Structure formats: C-alpha cells, structure tokens
Amino acid sequence: MRRTKKAGISGKFGPRYGMRTRKKWLEIEKKQRPLHRCPVCKKMGVKRLASGIWSCRKCGAKYTGGAYLPKTAAAGIAERTLKRIKEER
C-alpha cells in the first residue's frame, strides 16, 4: 500500500476520521513503535504487548509503564524524587 509522505503510516485510514485525529494518532505511533531501552538489561529490545504492558525481547523482563511509552514523565519525576531522598539519608 502506497502512502504519501505527509500522511505516513496514518495513510492507511485514507480520508476517514479527519486530519487532526490522524495527525495525533501518527505522533503516538511514532513514539510507540520503535524499540525502547530495557530497565533491567539496558538493551534496546522493549516492545509493547498491550496498553501499559511492556516486554523485553532480550532478557524476557515484563513490566508496566505508560499506555504509549514504557516510561512516563510522571514516572521519571518519581524516580528522581526517590533517588534524591535516598541520597539525603
């Protein structure tokens, strides 16, 4: 199936759903699809199994995260806070 440069992978929807919705979907897909870094083995091999469930293909680790990204902004803030608290003790 041939798609235009502008539409990218969202070209599969054709003229349906409107341009704004397809653009939002395209941005989410671009972030979600590539392999992500595993927090256990530190290799690039994490893929999404279902909404919020991520699995590493290399070491087999399975963990929860965000719906579209394995690590959310809120999780990053929480990790930094916990690290700072541990260092203070």
PDB file of N, CA and C in Angstrom:
ATOM      1  N   MET A   1       0.845  -1.174   0.000  1.00  0.00           N
ATOM      2  CA  MET A   1       0.000   0.000   0.000  1.00  0.00           C
ATOM      3  C   MET A   1       0.895   1.242   0.000  1.00  0.00           C
ATOM      4  N   ARG A   2       0.670   2.121  -0.943  1.00  0.00           N
ATOM      5  CA  ARG A   2       1.488   3.331  -1.051  1.00  0.00           C
ATOM      6  C   ARG A   2       0.845   4.455  -0.244  1.00  0.00           C
ATOM      7  N   ARG A   3       1.683   5.163   0.524  1.00  0.00           N
ATOM      8  CA  ARG A   3       1.193   6.279   1.332  1.00  0.00           C
ATOM      9  C   ARG A   3       1.981   7.537   0.980  1.00  0.00           C
ATOM     10  N   THR A   4       1.403   8.671   1.241  1.00  0.00           N
ATOM     11  CA  THR A   4       2.107   9.919   0.982  1.00  0.00           C
ATOM     12  C   THR A   4       3.078  10.206   2.124  1.00  0.00           C
ATOM     13  N   LYS A   5       4.030  11.097   1.876  1.00  0.00           N
ATOM     14  CA  LYS A   5       4.981  11.491   2.913  1.00  0.00           C
ATOM     15  C   LYS A   5       4.257  12.189   4.062  1.00  0.00           C
ATOM     16  N   LYS A   6       3.281  13.001   3.723  1.00  0.00           N
ATOM     17  CA  LYS A   6       2.553  13.776   4.726  1.00  0.00           C
ATOM     18  C   LYS A   6       1.757  12.880   5.674  1.00  0.00           C
ATOM     19  N   ALA A   7       1.100  11.880   5.127  1.00  0.00           N
ATOM     20  CA  ALA A   7       0.240  11.025   5.937  1.00  0.00           C
ATOM     21  C   ALA A   7       1.033   9.962   6.690  1.00  0.00           C
ATOM     22  N   GLY A   8       2.123   9.483   6.109  1.00  0.00           N
ATOM     23  CA  GLY A   8       2.912   8.438   6.762  1.00  0.00           C
ATOM     24  C   GLY A   8       2.102   7.175   6.964  1.00  0.00           C
ATOM     25  N   ILE A   9       2.272   6.541   8.122  1.00  0.00           N
ATOM     26  CA  ILE A   9       1.569   5.288   8.397  1.00  0.00           C
ATOM     27  C   ILE A   9       0.068   5.510   8.583  1.00  0.00           C
ATOM     28  N   SER A  10      -0.340   6.760   8.897  1.00  0.00           N
ATOM     29  CA  SER A  10      -1.769   7.026   9.065  1.00  0.00           C
ATOM     30  C   SER A  10      -2.488   7.091   7.719  1.00  0.00           C
ATOM     31  N   GLY A  11      -1.751   6.979   6.625  1.00  0.00           N
ATOM     32  CA  GLY A  11      -2.359   6.950   5.303  1.00  0.00           C
ATOM     33  C   GLY A  11      -3.256   5.750   5.096  1.00  0.00           C
ATOM     34  N   LYS A  12      -3.098   4.736   5.936  1.00  0.00           N
ATOM     35  CA  LYS A  12      -3.942   3.545   5.804  1.00  0.00           C
ATOM     36  C   LYS A  12      -5.408   3.840   6.114  1.00  0.00           C
ATOM     37  N   PHE A  13      -5.665   4.963   6.814  1.00  0.00           N
ATOM     38  CA  PHE A  13      -7.038   5.334   7.119  1.00  0.00           C
ATOM     39  C   PHE A  13      -7.717   6.060   5.964  1.00  0.00           C
ATOM     40  N   GLY A  14      -6.913   6.470   4.968  1.00  0.00           N
ATOM     41  CA  GLY A  14      -7.478   7.179   3.827  1.00  0.00           C
ATOM     42  C   GLY A  14      -8.079   8.504   4.254  1.00  0.00           C
ATOM     43  N   PRO A  15      -9.233   8.864   3.697  1.00  0.00           N
ATOM     44  CA  PRO A  15      -9.843  10.145   4.048  1.00  0.00           C
ATOM     45  C   PRO A  15     -10.690  10.090   5.321  1.00  0.00           C
ATOM     46  N   ARG A  16     -10.741   8.955   5.982  1.00  0.00           N
ATOM     47  CA  ARG A  16     -11.603   8.803   7.155  1.00  0.00           C
ATOM     48  C   ARG A  16     -11.010   9.472   8.401  1.00  0.00           C
ATOM     49  N   TYR A  17     -11.864   9.832   9.345  1.00  0.00           N
ATOM     50  CA  TYR A  17     -11.559  10.306  10.700  1.00  0.00           C
ATOM     51  C   TYR A  17     -11.051  11.734  10.795  1.00  0.00           C
ATOM     52  N   GLY A  18     -10.686  12.381   9.729  1.00  0.00           N
ATOM     53  CA  GLY A  18     -10.234  13.772   9.784  1.00  0.00           C
ATOM     54  C   GLY A  18      -8.735  13.893   9.984  1.00  0.00           C
ATOM     55  N   MET A  19      -8.167  14.986   9.489  1.00  0.00           N
ATOM     56  CA  MET A  19      -6.714  15.173   9.502  1.00  0.00           C
ATOM     57  C   MET A  19      -6.177  15.333  10.922  1.00  0.00           C
ATOM     58  N   ARG A  20      -6.872  16.062  11.775  1.00  0.00           N
ATOM     59  CA  ARG A  20      -6.388  16.299  13.134  1.00  0.00           C
ATOM     60  C   ARG A  20      -6.266  14.991  13.919  1.00  0.00           C
ATOM     61  N   THR A  21      -7.263  14.148  13.819  1.00  0.00           N
ATOM     62  CA  THR A  21      -7.242  12.858  14.514  1.00  0.00           C
ATOM     63  C   THR A  21      -6.130  11.970  13.977  1.00  0.00           C
ATOM     64  N   ARG A  22      -5.960  11.953  12.662  1.00  0.00           N
ATOM     65  CA  ARG A  22      -4.893  11.125  12.075  1.00  0.00           C
ATOM     66  C   ARG A  22      -3.511  11.629  12.472  1.00  0.00           C
ATOM     67  N   LYS A  23      -3.337  12.948  12.573  1.00  0.00           N
ATOM     68  CA  LYS A  23      -2.049  13.514  12.982  1.00  0.00           C
ATOM     69  C   LYS A  23      -1.709  13.117  14.417  1.00  0.00           C
ATOM     70  N   LYS A  24      -2.702  13.213  15.307  1.00  0.00           N
ATOM     71  CA  LYS A  24      -2.482  12.824  16.707  1.00  0.00           C
ATOM     72  C   LYS A  24      -2.117  11.347  16.785  1.00  0.00           C
ATOM     73  N   TRP A  25      -2.833  10.517  16.044  1.00  0.00           N
ATOM     74  CA  TRP A  25      -2.567   9.080  16.027  1.00  0.00           C
ATOM     75  C   TRP A  25      -1.160   8.798  15.500  1.00  0.00           C
ATOM     76  N   LEU A  26      -0.752   9.539  14.463  1.00  0.00           N
ATOM     77  CA  LEU A  26       0.569   9.362  13.859  1.00  0.00           C
ATOM     78  C   LEU A  26       1.681   9.683  14.856  1.00  0.00           C
ATOM     79  N   GLU A  27       1.535  10.765  15.614  1.00  0.00           N
ATOM     80  CA  GLU A  27       2.547  11.140  16.604  1.00  0.00           C
ATOM     81  C   GLU A  27       2.678  10.071  17.689  1.00  0.00           C
ATOM     82  N   ILE A  28       1.563   9.542  18.152  1.00  0.00           N
ATOM     83  CA  ILE A  28       1.582   8.488  19.169  1.00  0.00           C
ATOM     84  C   ILE A  28       2.259   7.242  18.614  1.00  0.00           C
ATOM     85  N   GLU A  29       1.916   6.861  17.393  1.00  0.00           N
ATOM     86  CA  GLU A  29       2.503   5.672  16.772  1.00  0.00           C
ATOM     87  C   GLU A  29       4.011   5.804  16.593  1.00  0.00           C
ATOM     88  N   LYS A  30       4.479   6.988  16.205  1.00  0.00           N
ATOM     89  CA  LYS A  30       5.912   7.204  16.007  1.00  0.00           C
ATOM     90  C   LYS A  30       6.697   7.009  17.307  1.00  0.00           C
ATOM     91  N   LYS A  31       6.106   7.387  18.429  1.00  0.00           N
ATOM     92  CA  LYS A  31       6.764   7.223  19.727  1.00  0.00           C
ATOM     93  C   LYS A  31       6.666   5.787  20.225  1.00  0.00           C
ATOM     94  N   GLN A  32       5.554   5.135  19.943  1.00  0.00           N
ATOM     95  CA  GLN A  32       5.268   3.816  20.492  1.00  0.00           C
ATOM     96  C   GLN A  32       5.980   2.684  19.752  1.00  0.00           C
ATOM     97  N   ARG A  33       6.079   2.760  18.438  1.00  0.00           N
ATOM     98  CA  ARG A  33       6.563   1.652  17.619  1.00  0.00           C
ATOM     99  C   ARG A  33       8.034   1.268  17.767  1.00  0.00           C
ATOM    100  N   PRO A  34       8.977   2.223  17.873  1.00  0.00           N
ATOM    101  CA  PRO A  34      10.379   1.799  17.916  1.00  0.00           C
ATOM    102  C   PRO A  34      10.713   1.023  19.193  1.00  0.00           C
ATOM    103  N   LEU A  35      11.832   0.293  19.158  1.00  0.00           N
ATOM    104  CA  LEU A  35      12.276  -0.429  20.343  1.00  0.00           C
ATOM    105  C   LEU A  35      12.734   0.570  21.396  1.00  0.00           C
ATOM    106  N   HIS A  36      12.485   0.241  22.649  1.00  0.00           N
ATOM    107  CA  HIS A  36      12.864   1.099  23.762  1.00  0.00           C
ATOM    108  C   HIS A  36      13.904   0.376  24.620  1.00  0.00           C
ATOM    109  N   ARG A  37      14.594   1.139  25.492  1.00  0.00           N
ATOM    110  CA  ARG A  37      15.639   0.574  26.337  1.00  0.00           C
ATOM    111  C   ARG A  37      15.024  -0.155  27.530  1.00  0.00           C
ATOM    112  N   CYS A  38      15.539  -1.351  27.800  1.00  0.00           N
ATOM    113  CA  CYS A  38      15.061  -2.185  28.913  1.00  0.00           C
ATOM    114  C   CYS A  38      15.665  -1.672  30.224  1.00  0.00           C
ATOM    115  N   PRO A  39      14.849  -1.500  31.270  1.00  0.00           N
ATOM    116  CA  PRO A  39      15.384  -1.041  32.547  1.00  0.00           C
ATOM    117  C   PRO A  39      16.180  -2.122  33.279  1.00  0.00           C
ATOM    118  N   VAL A  40      16.028  -3.386  32.879  1.00  0.00           N
ATOM    119  CA  VAL A  40      16.719  -4.489  33.535  1.00  0.00           C
ATOM    120  C   VAL A  40      18.076  -4.761  32.884  1.00  0.00           C
ATOM    121  N   CYS A  41      18.082  -5.035  31.575  1.00  0.00           N
ATOM    122  CA  CYS A  41      19.326  -5.405  30.889  1.00  0.00           C
ATOM    123  C   CYS A  41      19.955  -4.244  30.132  1.00  0.00           C
ATOM    124  N   LYS A  42      19.274  -3.103  30.069  1.00  0.00           N
ATOM    125  CA  LYS A  42      19.764  -1.877  29.416  1.00  0.00           C
ATOM    126  C   LYS A  42      19.975  -2.013  27.907  1.00  0.00           C
ATOM    127  N   LYS A  43      19.360  -3.005  27.269  1.00  0.00           N
ATOM    128  CA  LYS A  43      19.470  -3.180  25.818  1.00  0.00           C
ATOM    129  C   LYS A  43      18.198  -2.683  25.148  1.00  0.00           C
ATOM    130  N   MET A  44      18.323  -2.358  23.875  1.00  0.00           N
ATOM    131  CA  MET A  44      17.165  -1.900  23.115  1.00  0.00           C
ATOM    132  C   MET A  44      16.361  -3.116  22.653  1.00  0.00           C
ATOM    133  N   GLY A  45      15.302  -3.428  23.355  1.00  0.00           N
ATOM    134  CA  GLY A  45      14.525  -4.593  22.971  1.00  0.00           C
ATOM    135  C   GLY A  45      13.123  -4.601  23.529  1.00  0.00           C
ATOM    136  N   VAL A  46      12.655  -3.493  24.082  1.00  0.00           N
ATOM    137  CA  VAL A  46      11.335  -3.462  24.717  1.00  0.00           C
ATOM    138  C   VAL A  46      10.263  -3.123  23.692  1.00  0.00           C
ATOM    139  N   LYS A  47       9.245  -3.946  23.642  1.00  0.00           N
ATOM    140  CA  LYS A  47       8.095  -3.733  22.765  1.00  0.00           C
ATOM    141  C   LYS A  47       6.827  -3.754  23.610  1.00  0.00           C
ATOM    142  N   ARG A  48       5.795  -3.108  23.112  1.00  0.00           N
ATOM    143  CA  ARG A  48       4.515  -3.053  23.808  1.00  0.00           C
ATOM    144  C   ARG A  48       3.722  -4.324  23.533  1.00  0.00           C
ATOM    145  N   LEU A  49       3.225  -4.958  24.597  1.00  0.00           N
ATOM    146  CA  LEU A  49       2.372  -6.137  24.441  1.00  0.00           C
ATOM    147  C   LEU A  49       0.897  -5.730  24.400  1.00  0.00           C
ATOM    148  N   ALA A  50       0.524  -4.870  25.319  1.00  0.00           N
ATOM    149  CA  ALA A  50      -0.842  -4.359  25.400  1.00  0.00           C
ATOM    150  C   ALA A  50      -0.752  -2.975  26.032  1.00  0.00           C
ATOM    151  N   SER A  51      -1.872  -2.332  26.211  1.00  0.00           N
ATOM    152  CA  SER A  51      -1.865  -0.990  26.787  1.00  0.00           C
ATOM    153  C   SER A  51      -1.257  -1.008  28.185  1.00  0.00           C
ATOM    154  N   GLY A  52      -0.077  -0.394  28.333  1.00  0.00           N
ATOM    155  CA  GLY A  52       0.585  -0.309  29.630  1.00  0.00           C
ATOM    156  C   GLY A  52       1.440  -1.507  29.992  1.00  0.00           C
ATOM    157  N   ILE A  53       1.517  -2.528  29.146  1.00  0.00           N
ATOM    158  CA  ILE A  53       2.323  -3.722  29.425  1.00  0.00           C
ATOM    159  C   ILE A  53       3.445  -3.802  28.407  1.00  0.00           C
ATOM    160  N   TRP A  54       4.694  -3.832  28.904  1.00  0.00           N
ATOM    161  CA  TRP A  54       5.882  -3.811  28.065  1.00  0.00           C
ATOM    162  C   TRP A  54       6.736  -5.029  28.363  1.00  0.00           C
ATOM    163  N   SER A  55       7.393  -5.562  27.331  1.00  0.00           N
ATOM    164  CA  SER A  55       8.211  -6.757  27.486  1.00  0.00           C
ATOM    165  C   SER A  55       9.519  -6.605  26.719  1.00  0.00           C
ATOM    166  N   CYS A  56      10.613  -7.071  27.332  1.00  0.00           N
ATOM    167  CA  CYS A  56      11.921  -7.029  26.689  1.00  0.00           C
ATOM    168  C   CYS A  56      12.124  -8.325  25.913  1.00  0.00           C
ATOM    169  N   ARG A  57      12.489  -8.206  24.650  1.00  0.00           N
ATOM    170  CA  ARG A  57      12.725  -9.384  23.817  1.00  0.00           C
ATOM    171  C   ARG A  57      14.051 -10.057  24.152  1.00  0.00           C
ATOM    172  N   LYS A  58      14.991  -9.302  24.729  1.00  0.00           N
ATOM    173  CA  LYS A  58      16.329  -9.832  25.001  1.00  0.00           C
ATOM    174  C   LYS A  58      16.360 -10.657  26.289  1.00  0.00           C
ATOM    175  N   CYS A  59      15.889 -10.054  27.403  1.00  0.00           N
ATOM    176  CA  CYS A  59      16.003 -10.738  28.697  1.00  0.00           C
ATOM    177  C   CYS A  59      14.675 -11.317  29.182  1.00  0.00           C
ATOM    178  N   GLY A  60      13.576 -10.995  28.523  1.00  0.00           N
ATOM    179  CA  GLY A  60      12.277 -11.549  28.894  1.00  0.00           C
ATOM    180  C   GLY A  60      11.582 -10.815  30.033  1.00  0.00           C
ATOM    181  N   ALA A  61      12.148  -9.698  30.493  1.00  0.00           N
ATOM    182  CA  ALA A  61      11.534  -8.933  31.581  1.00  0.00           C
ATOM    183  C   ALA A  61      10.204  -8.354  31.110  1.00  0.00           C
ATOM    184  N   LYS A  62       9.225  -8.387  31.988  1.00  0.00           N
ATOM    185  CA  LYS A  62       7.908  -7.855  31.678  1.00  0.00           C
ATOM    186  C   LYS A  62       7.538  -6.871  32.780  1.00  0.00           C
ATOM    187  N   TYR A  63       7.102  -5.685  32.412  1.00  0.00           N
ATOM    188  CA  TYR A  63       6.767  -4.685  33.409  1.00  0.00           C
ATOM    189  C   TYR A  63       5.678  -3.757  32.894  1.00  0.00           C
ATOM    190  N   THR A  64       5.163  -2.930  33.792  1.00  0.00           N
ATOM    191  CA  THR A  64       4.126  -1.978  33.409  1.00  0.00           C
ATOM    192  C   THR A  64       4.742  -0.602  33.200  1.00  0.00           C
ATOM    193  N   GLY A  65       4.077   0.178  32.403  1.00  0.00           N
ATOM    194  CA  GLY A  65       4.534   1.535  32.111  1.00  0.00           C
ATOM    195  C   GLY A  65       3.362   2.337  31.609  1.00  0.00           C
ATOM    196  N   GLY A  66       3.639   3.308  30.776  1.00  0.00           N
ATOM    197  CA  GLY A  66       2.575   4.126  30.210  1.00  0.00           C
ATOM    198  C   GLY A  66       1.848   3.387  29.107  1.00  0.00           C
ATOM    199  N   ALA A  67       0.744   3.943  28.666  1.00  0.00           N
ATOM    200  CA  ALA A  67      -0.045   3.310  27.616  1.00  0.00           C
ATOM    201  C   ALA A  67       0.695   3.323  26.282  1.00  0.00           C
ATOM    202  N   TYR A  68       1.427   4.410  26.005  1.00  0.00           N
ATOM    203  CA  TYR A  68       2.087   4.526  24.713  1.00  0.00           C
ATOM    204  C   TYR A  68       3.604   4.559  24.807  1.00  0.00           C
ATOM    205  N   LEU A  69       4.150   4.823  25.983  1.00  0.00           N
ATOM    206  CA  LEU A  69       5.594   4.830  26.211  1.00  0.00           C
ATOM    207  C   LEU A  69       5.894   4.002  27.453  1.00  0.00           C
ATOM    208  N   PRO A  70       7.011   3.271  27.456  1.00  0.00           N
ATOM    209  CA  PRO A  70       7.302   2.425  28.612  1.00  0.00           C
ATOM    210  C   PRO A  70       7.584   3.211  29.883  1.00  0.00           C
ATOM    211  N   LYS A  71       7.995   4.456  29.740  1.00  0.00           N
ATOM    212  CA  LYS A  71       8.293   5.284  30.907  1.00  0.00           C
ATOM    213  C   LYS A  71       7.627   6.639  30.714  1.00  0.00           C
ATOM    214  N   THR A  72       6.734   6.996  31.621  1.00  0.00           N
ATOM    215  CA  THR A  72       6.019   8.254  31.510  1.00  0.00           C
ATOM    216  C   THR A  72       6.793   9.381  32.184  1.00  0.00           C
ATOM    217  N   ALA A  73       6.391  10.600  31.940  1.00  0.00           N
ATOM    218  CA  ALA A  73       7.031  11.761  32.558  1.00  0.00           C
ATOM    219  C   ALA A  73       6.843  11.719  34.078  1.00  0.00           C
ATOM    220  N   ALA A  74       5.675  11.306  34.524  1.00  0.00           N
ATOM    221  CA  ALA A  74       5.402  11.222  35.963  1.00  0.00           C
ATOM    222  C   ALA A  74       6.309  10.191  36.628  1.00  0.00           C
ATOM    223  N   ALA A  75       6.574   9.088  35.945  1.00  0.00           N
ATOM    224  CA  ALA A  75       7.458   8.062  36.496  1.00  0.00           C
ATOM    225  C   ALA A  75       8.887   8.587  36.624  1.00  0.00           C
ATOM    226  N   GLY A  76       9.324   9.385  35.661  1.00  0.00           N
ATOM    227  CA  GLY A  76      10.656   9.983  35.714  1.00  0.00           C
ATOM    228  C   GLY A  76      10.805  10.922  36.898  1.00  0.00           C
ATOM    229  N   ILE A  77       9.773  11.713  37.156  1.00  0.00           N
ATOM    230  CA  ILE A  77       9.786  12.636  38.289  1.00  0.00           C
ATOM    231  C   ILE A  77       9.831  11.854  39.599  1.00  0.00           C
ATOM    232  N   ALA A  78       9.032  10.785  39.681  1.00  0.00           N
ATOM    233  CA  ALA A  78       9.006   9.969  40.896  1.00  0.00           C
ATOM    234  C   ALA A  78      10.366   9.315  41.149  1.00  0.00           C
ATOM    235  N   GLU A  79      11.012   8.814  40.106  1.00  0.00           N
ATOM    236  CA  GLU A  79      12.330   8.188  40.259  1.00  0.00           C
ATOM    237  C   GLU A  79      13.368   9.182  40.755  1.00  0.00           C
ATOM    238  N   ARG A  80      13.365  10.383  40.202  1.00  0.00           N
ATOM    239  CA  ARG A  80      14.325  11.412  40.638  1.00  0.00           C
ATOM    240  C   ARG A  80      14.091  11.794  42.094  1.00  0.00           C
ATOM    241  N   THR A  81      12.824  11.896  42.484  1.00  0.00           N
ATOM    242  CA  THR A  81      12.497  12.241  43.865  1.00  0.00           C
ATOM    243  C   THR A  81      12.973  11.155  44.817  1.00  0.00           C
ATOM    244  N   LEU A  82      12.711   9.896  44.481  1.00  0.00           N
ATOM    245  CA  LEU A  82      13.151   8.787  45.324  1.00  0.00           C
ATOM    246  C   LEU A  82      14.671   8.728  45.422  1.00  0.00           C
ATOM    247  N   LYS A  83      15.340   8.993  44.319  1.00  0.00           N
ATOM    248  CA  LYS A  83      16.809   8.981  44.312  1.00  0.00           C
ATOM    249  C   LYS A  83      17.353  10.092  45.228  1.00  0.00           C
ATOM    250  N   ARG A  84      16.745  11.266  45.151  1.00  0.00           N
ATOM    251  CA  ARG A  84      17.170  12.389  45.995  1.00  0.00           C
ATOM    252  C   ARG A  84      16.948  12.080  47.469  1.00  0.00           C
ATOM    253  N   ILE A  85      15.827  11.455  47.808  1.00  0.00           N
ATOM    254  CA  ILE A  85      15.518  11.097  49.199  1.00  0.00           C
ATOM    255  C   ILE A  85      16.537  10.088  49.715  1.00  0.00           C
ATOM    256  N   LYS A  86      16.888   9.086  48.903  1.00  0.00           N
ATOM    257  CA  LYS A  86      17.880   8.076  49.304  1.00  0.00           C
ATOM    258  C   LYS A  86      19.235   8.700  49.542  1.00  0.00           C
ATOM    259  N   GLU A  87      19.623   9.675  48.692  1.00  0.00           N
ATOM    260  CA  GLU A  87      20.915  10.328  48.841  1.00  0.00           C
ATOM    261  C   GLU A  87      20.977  11.174  50.105  1.00  0.00           C
ATOM    262  N   GLU A  88      19.860  11.757  50.499  1.00  0.00           N
ATOM    263  CA  GLU A  88      19.821  12.584  51.699  1.00  0.00           C
ATOM    264  C   GLU A  88      19.992  11.755  52.961  1.00  0.00           C
ATOM    265  N   ARG A  89      19.578  10.504  52.923  1.00  0.00           N
ATOM    266  CA  ARG A  89      19.667   9.641  54.107  1.00  0.00           C
ATOM    267  C   ARG A  89      21.034   9.159  54.257  1.00  0.00           C
TER     268      ARG A  89
END
